[in-house]
Amino acid sequence: MKTINIIFSTDGQSRIETRGFTGSRCKDASRFLEAALGKVSSELLTSEYHQAVQHQSNQLTQEN
């Protein structure tokens, strides 16, 4: 399951955590939140980020 959590601290700092995304898809999914929250001061990439993205193939079949 893919989730995005936004954590706010009492000093006004915010942190975005993504789970269930592989490769750079986490950045794609959270980009709009980063833009809304302001300047990114640091970034910590998880092991999920370093996993290879598995591509799903769509197959079409035609029956005669």
PDB file of N, CA and C in Angstrom:
ATOM      1  N   MET A   1       0.842  -1.171   0.000  1.00  0.00           N
ATOM      2  CA  MET A   1       0.000   0.000   0.000  1.00  0.00           C
ATOM      3  C   MET A   1       0.894   1.243   0.000  1.00  0.00           C
ATOM      4  N   LYS A   2       0.546   2.190  -0.821  1.00  0.00           N
ATOM      5  CA  LYS A   2       1.319   3.427  -0.919  1.00  0.00           C
ATOM      6  C   LYS A   2       0.705   4.481  -0.008  1.00  0.00           C
ATOM      7  N   THR A   3       1.564   5.115   0.799  1.00  0.00           N
ATOM      8  CA  THR A   3       1.096   6.166   1.701  1.00  0.00           C
ATOM      9  C   THR A   3       2.074   7.327   1.714  1.00  0.00           C
ATOM     10  N   ILE A   4       1.532   8.510   1.980  1.00  0.00           N
ATOM     11  CA  ILE A   4       2.350   9.703   2.183  1.00  0.00           C
ATOM     12  C   ILE A   4       1.923  10.304   3.518  1.00  0.00           C
ATOM     13  N   ASN A   5       2.860  10.454   4.439  1.00  0.00           N
ATOM     14  CA  ASN A   5       2.587  11.051   5.745  1.00  0.00           C
ATOM     15  C   ASN A   5       3.280  12.401   5.837  1.00  0.00           C
ATOM     16  N   ILE A   6       2.586  13.359   6.411  1.00  0.00           N
ATOM     17  CA  ILE A   6       3.165  14.671   6.676  1.00  0.00           C
ATOM     18  C   ILE A   6       3.188  14.842   8.188  1.00  0.00           C
ATOM     19  N   ILE A   7       4.369  15.058   8.741  1.00  0.00           N
ATOM     20  CA  ILE A   7       4.540  15.203  10.179  1.00  0.00           C
ATOM     21  C   ILE A   7       4.949  16.640  10.471  1.00  0.00           C
ATOM     22  N   PHE A   8       4.205  17.283  11.365  1.00  0.00           N
ATOM     23  CA  PHE A   8       4.508  18.659  11.775  1.00  0.00           C
ATOM     24  C   PHE A   8       5.004  18.642  13.205  1.00  0.00           C
ATOM     25  N   SER A   9       6.108  19.318  13.468  1.00  0.00           N
ATOM     26  CA  SER A   9       6.638  19.404  14.820  1.00  0.00           C
ATOM     27  C   SER A   9       6.160  20.703  15.473  1.00  0.00           C
ATOM     28  N   THR A  10       6.338  20.782  16.769  1.00  0.00           N
ATOM     29  CA  THR A  10       5.871  21.964  17.503  1.00  0.00           C
ATOM     30  C   THR A  10       6.654  23.222  17.149  1.00  0.00           C
ATOM     31  N   ASP A  11       7.848  23.072  16.604  1.00  0.00           N
ATOM     32  CA  ASP A  11       8.642  24.249  16.230  1.00  0.00           C
ATOM     33  C   ASP A  11       8.358  24.719  14.795  1.00  0.00           C
ATOM     34  N   GLY A  12       7.352  24.117  14.144  1.00  0.00           N
ATOM     35  CA  GLY A  12       6.953  24.557  12.808  1.00  0.00           C
ATOM     36  C   GLY A  12       7.602  23.806  11.666  1.00  0.00           C
ATOM     37  N   GLN A  13       8.491  22.901  11.961  1.00  0.00           N
ATOM     38  CA  GLN A  13       9.128  22.097  10.916  1.00  0.00           C
ATOM     39  C   GLN A  13       8.147  21.046  10.420  1.00  0.00           C
ATOM     40  N   SER A  14       8.295  20.657   9.172  1.00  0.00           N
ATOM     41  CA  SER A  14       7.463  19.598   8.612  1.00  0.00           C
ATOM     42  C   SER A  14       8.350  18.551   7.956  1.00  0.00           C
ATOM     43  N   ARG A  15       7.819  17.348   7.883  1.00  0.00           N
ATOM     44  CA  ARG A  15       8.559  16.239   7.287  1.00  0.00           C
ATOM     45  C   ARG A  15       7.569  15.406   6.472  1.00  0.00           C
ATOM     46  N   ILE A  16       7.967  15.009   5.287  1.00  0.00           N
ATOM     47  CA  ILE A  16       7.158  14.168   4.426  1.00  0.00           C
ATOM     48  C   ILE A  16       7.799  12.782   4.387  1.00  0.00           C
ATOM     49  N   GLU A  17       6.990  11.755   4.672  1.00  0.00           N
ATOM     50  CA  GLU A  17       7.468  10.380   4.600  1.00  0.00           C
ATOM     51  C   GLU A  17       6.602   9.616   3.617  1.00  0.00           C
ATOM     52  N   THR A  18       7.248   8.951   2.675  1.00  0.00           N
ATOM     53  CA  THR A  18       6.516   8.120   1.716  1.00  0.00           C
ATOM     54  C   THR A  18       6.831   6.659   1.990  1.00  0.00           C
ATOM     55  N   ARG A  19       5.847   5.814   1.783  1.00  0.00           N
ATOM     56  CA  ARG A  19       6.020   4.367   1.961  1.00  0.00           C
ATOM     57  C   ARG A  19       5.340   3.658   0.800  1.00  0.00           C
ATOM     58  N   GLY A  20       5.953   2.569   0.355  1.00  0.00           N
ATOM     59  CA  GLY A  20       5.351   1.744  -0.682  1.00  0.00           C
ATOM     60  C   GLY A  20       5.692   2.150  -2.106  1.00  0.00           C
ATOM     61  N   PHE A  21       6.501   3.188  -2.266  1.00  0.00           N
ATOM     62  CA  PHE A  21       6.927   3.628  -3.593  1.00  0.00           C
ATOM     63  C   PHE A  21       8.334   3.105  -3.844  1.00  0.00           C
ATOM     64  N   THR A  22       8.635   2.706  -5.073  1.00  0.00           N
ATOM     65  CA  THR A  22       9.990   2.282  -5.391  1.00  0.00           C
ATOM     66  C   THR A  22      10.617   3.270  -6.363  1.00  0.00           C
ATOM     67  N   GLY A  23      11.922   3.361  -6.279  1.00  0.00           N
ATOM     68  CA  GLY A  23      12.649   4.278  -7.153  1.00  0.00           C
ATOM     69  C   GLY A  23      12.222   5.721  -6.915  1.00  0.00           C
ATOM     70  N   SER A  24      12.295   6.504  -7.944  1.00  0.00           N
ATOM     71  CA  SER A  24      11.987   7.931  -7.820  1.00  0.00           C
ATOM     72  C   SER A  24      10.485   8.228  -7.812  1.00  0.00           C
ATOM     73  N   ARG A  25       9.663   7.212  -7.841  1.00  0.00           N
ATOM     74  CA  ARG A  25       8.211   7.433  -7.804  1.00  0.00           C
ATOM     75  C   ARG A  25       7.779   8.131  -6.515  1.00  0.00           C
ATOM     76  N   CYS A  26       8.519   7.928  -5.436  1.00  0.00           N
ATOM     77  CA  CYS A  26       8.184   8.615  -4.180  1.00  0.00           C
ATOM     78  C   CYS A  26       8.327  10.129  -4.348  1.00  0.00           C
ATOM     79  N   LYS A  27       9.360  10.547  -5.035  1.00  0.00           N
ATOM     80  CA  LYS A  27       9.560  11.981  -5.275  1.00  0.00           C
ATOM     81  C   LYS A  27       8.479  12.544  -6.180  1.00  0.00           C
ATOM     82  N   ASP A  28       8.099  11.777  -7.189  1.00  0.00           N
ATOM     83  CA  ASP A  28       7.029  12.211  -8.088  1.00  0.00           C
ATOM     84  C   ASP A  28       5.722  12.388  -7.319  1.00  0.00           C
ATOM     85  N   ALA A  29       5.443  11.451  -6.423  1.00  0.00           N
ATOM     86  CA  ALA A  29       4.182  11.477  -5.676  1.00  0.00           C
ATOM     87  C   ALA A  29       4.132  12.597  -4.640  1.00  0.00           C
ATOM     88  N   SER A  30       5.268  12.983  -4.093  1.00  0.00           N
ATOM     89  CA  SER A  30       5.276  13.988  -3.020  1.00  0.00           C
ATOM     90  C   SER A  30       5.704  15.379  -3.474  1.00  0.00           C
ATOM     91  N   ARG A  31       6.011  15.533  -4.745  1.00  0.00           N
ATOM     92  CA  ARG A  31       6.498  16.814  -5.262  1.00  0.00           C
ATOM     93  C   ARG A  31       5.538  17.970  -4.970  1.00  0.00           C
ATOM     94  N   PHE A  32       4.238  17.745  -5.140  1.00  0.00           N
ATOM     95  CA  PHE A  32       3.272  18.829  -4.910  1.00  0.00           C
ATOM     96  C   PHE A  32       3.243  19.240  -3.442  1.00  0.00           C
ATOM     97  N   LEU A  33       3.478  18.299  -2.538  1.00  0.00           N
ATOM     98  CA  LEU A  33       3.515  18.635  -1.109  1.00  0.00           C
ATOM     99  C   LEU A  33       4.768  19.434  -0.772  1.00  0.00           C
ATOM    100  N   GLU A  34       5.890  19.042  -1.329  1.00  0.00           N
ATOM    101  CA  GLU A  34       7.125  19.793  -1.101  1.00  0.00           C
ATOM    102  C   GLU A  34       6.966  21.232  -1.573  1.00  0.00           C
ATOM    103  N   ALA A  35       6.339  21.412  -2.716  1.00  0.00           N
ATOM    104  CA  ALA A  35       6.124  22.764  -3.247  1.00  0.00           C
ATOM    105  C   ALA A  35       5.201  23.563  -2.337  1.00  0.00           C
ATOM    106  N   ALA A  36       4.179  22.925  -1.805  1.00  0.00           N
ATOM    107  CA  ALA A  36       3.221  23.616  -0.945  1.00  0.00           C
ATOM    108  C   ALA A  36       3.815  23.969   0.413  1.00  0.00           C
ATOM    109  N   LEU A  37       4.715  23.124   0.916  1.00  0.00           N
ATOM    110  CA  LEU A  37       5.275  23.340   2.252  1.00  0.00           C
ATOM    111  C   LEU A  37       6.484  24.269   2.257  1.00  0.00           C
ATOM    112  N   GLY A  38       7.084  24.508   1.115  1.00  0.00           N
ATOM    113  CA  GLY A  38       8.209  25.432   1.053  1.00  0.00           C
ATOM    114  C   GLY A  38       9.532  24.748   0.779  1.00  0.00           C
ATOM    115  N   LYS A  39      10.602  25.433   1.134  1.00  0.00           N
ATOM    116  CA  LYS A  39      11.962  24.992   0.829  1.00  0.00           C
ATOM    117  C   LYS A  39      12.309  23.675   1.529  1.00  0.00           C
ATOM    118  N   VAL A  40      12.940  22.772   0.780  1.00  0.00           N
ATOM    119  CA  VAL A  40      13.420  21.503   1.327  1.00  0.00           C
ATOM    120  C   VAL A  40      14.790  21.753   1.942  1.00  0.00           C
ATOM    121  N   SER A  41      14.930  21.441   3.228  1.00  0.00           N
ATOM    122  CA  SER A  41      16.210  21.689   3.902  1.00  0.00           C
ATOM    123  C   SER A  41      17.096  20.450   3.946  1.00  0.00           C
ATOM    124  N   SER A  42      16.499  19.257   3.880  1.00  0.00           N
ATOM    125  CA  SER A  42      17.290  18.027   3.840  1.00  0.00           C
ATOM    126  C   SER A  42      16.439  16.914   3.253  1.00  0.00           C
ATOM    127  N   GLU A  43      17.113  15.854   2.852  1.00  0.00           N
ATOM    128  CA  GLU A  43      16.428  14.719   2.247  1.00  0.00           C
ATOM    129  C   GLU A  43      17.121  13.446   2.668  1.00  0.00           C
ATOM    130  N   LEU A  44      16.337  12.457   3.093  1.00  0.00           N
ATOM    131  CA  LEU A  44      16.858  11.151   3.470  1.00  0.00           C
ATOM    132  C   LEU A  44      16.144  10.120   2.610  1.00  0.00           C
ATOM    133  N   LEU A  45      16.891   9.436   1.763  1.00  0.00           N
ATOM    134  CA  LEU A  45      16.316   8.449   0.864  1.00  0.00           C
ATOM    135  C   LEU A  45      16.342   7.078   1.524  1.00  0.00           C
ATOM    136  N   THR A  46      15.216   6.370   1.462  1.00  0.00           N
ATOM    137  CA  THR A  46      15.104   5.061   2.104  1.00  0.00           C
ATOM    138  C   THR A  46      15.567   3.960   1.161  1.00  0.00           C
ATOM    139  N   SER A  47      15.587   2.743   1.671  1.00  0.00           N
ATOM    140  CA  SER A  47      15.970   1.599   0.839  1.00  0.00           C
ATOM    141  C   SER A  47      14.967   1.385  -0.292  1.00  0.00           C
ATOM    142  N   GLU A  48      13.695   1.769  -0.068  1.00  0.00           N
ATOM    143  CA  GLU A  48      12.691   1.648  -1.127  1.00  0.00           C
ATOM    144  C   GLU A  48      13.071   2.504  -2.337  1.00  0.00           C
ATOM    145  N   TYR A  49      13.682   3.650  -2.089  1.00  0.00           N
ATOM    146  CA  TYR A  49      14.091   4.530  -3.187  1.00  0.00           C
ATOM    147  C   TYR A  49      15.130   3.839  -4.070  1.00  0.00           C
ATOM    148  N   HIS A  50      15.986   3.058  -3.462  1.00  0.00           N
ATOM    149  CA  HIS A  50      17.078   2.426  -4.195  1.00  0.00           C
ATOM    150  C   HIS A  50      16.686   1.109  -4.853  1.00  0.00           C
ATOM    151  N   GLN A  51      15.437   0.676  -4.667  1.00  0.00           N
ATOM    152  CA  GLN A  51      14.964  -0.539  -5.321  1.00  0.00           C
ATOM    153  C   GLN A  51      14.655  -0.235  -6.783  1.00  0.00           C
ATOM    154  N   ALA A  52      14.852  -1.224  -7.607  1.00  0.00           N
ATOM    155  CA  ALA A  52      14.545  -1.063  -9.034  1.00  0.00           C
ATOM    156  C   ALA A  52      13.038  -0.960  -9.205  1.00  0.00           C
ATOM    157  N   VAL A  53      12.637  -0.101 -10.096  1.00  0.00           N
ATOM    158  CA  VAL A  53      11.218   0.054 -10.409  1.00  0.00           C
ATOM    159  C   VAL A  53      10.813  -1.078 -11.330  1.00  0.00           C
ATOM    160  N   GLN A  54       9.763  -1.796 -10.944  1.00  0.00           N
ATOM    161  CA  GLN A  54       9.263  -2.867 -11.788  1.00  0.00           C
ATOM    162  C   GLN A  54       8.194  -2.293 -12.700  1.00  0.00           C
ATOM    163  N   HIS A  55       8.389  -2.482 -13.972  1.00  0.00           N
ATOM    164  CA  HIS A  55       7.444  -1.972 -14.966  1.00  0.00           C
ATOM    165  C   HIS A  55       6.381  -3.022 -15.241  1.00  0.00           C
ATOM    166  N   GLN A  56       5.147  -2.590 -15.230  1.00  0.00           N
ATOM    167  CA  GLN A  56       4.050  -3.486 -15.575  1.00  0.00           C
ATOM    168  C   GLN A  56       3.806  -3.365 -17.068  1.00  0.00           C
ATOM    169  N   SER A  57       3.575  -4.474 -17.704  1.00  0.00           N
ATOM    170  CA  SER A  57       3.289  -4.420 -19.134  1.00  0.00           C
ATOM    171  C   SER A  57       1.794  -4.646 -19.338  1.00  0.00           C
ATOM    172  N   ASN A  58       1.258  -3.904 -20.240  1.00  0.00           N
ATOM    173  CA  ASN A  58      -0.136  -4.065 -20.616  1.00  0.00           C
ATOM    174  C   ASN A  58      -0.182  -4.943 -21.845  1.00  0.00           C
ATOM    175  N   GLN A  59      -0.979  -5.985 -21.783  1.00  0.00           N
ATOM    176  CA  GLN A  59      -1.083  -6.882 -22.916  1.00  0.00           C
ATOM    177  C   GLN A  59      -2.488  -6.830 -23.478  1.00  0.00           C
ATOM    178  N   LEU A  60      -2.561  -6.729 -24.759  1.00  0.00           N
ATOM    179  CA  LEU A  60      -3.836  -6.767 -25.451  1.00  0.00           C
ATOM    180  C   LEU A  60      -3.905  -8.060 -26.237  1.00  0.00           C
ATOM    181  N   THR A  61      -5.023  -8.702 -26.158  1.00  0.00           N
ATOM    182  CA  THR A  61      -5.200  -9.917 -26.942  1.00  0.00           C
ATOM    183  C   THR A  61      -6.404  -9.736 -27.844  1.00  0.00           C
ATOM    184  N   GLN A  62      -6.316 -10.328 -28.997  1.00  0.00           N
ATOM    185  CA  GLN A  62      -7.402 -10.227 -29.959  1.00  0.00           C
ATOM    186  C   GLN A  62      -7.901 -11.626 -30.258  1.00  0.00           C
ATOM    187  N   GLU A  63      -9.199 -11.785 -30.119  1.00  0.00           N
ATOM    188  CA  GLU A  63      -9.801 -13.073 -30.428  1.00  0.00           C
ATOM    189  C   GLU A  63     -10.421 -13.000 -31.806  1.00  0.00           C
ATOM    190  N   ASN A  64     -10.234 -14.052 -32.586  1.00  0.00           N
ATOM    191  CA  ASN A  64     -10.818 -14.110 -33.937  1.00  0.00           C
ATOM    192  C   ASN A  64     -12.086 -14.915 -33.938  1.00  0.00           C
TER     193      ASN A  64
END
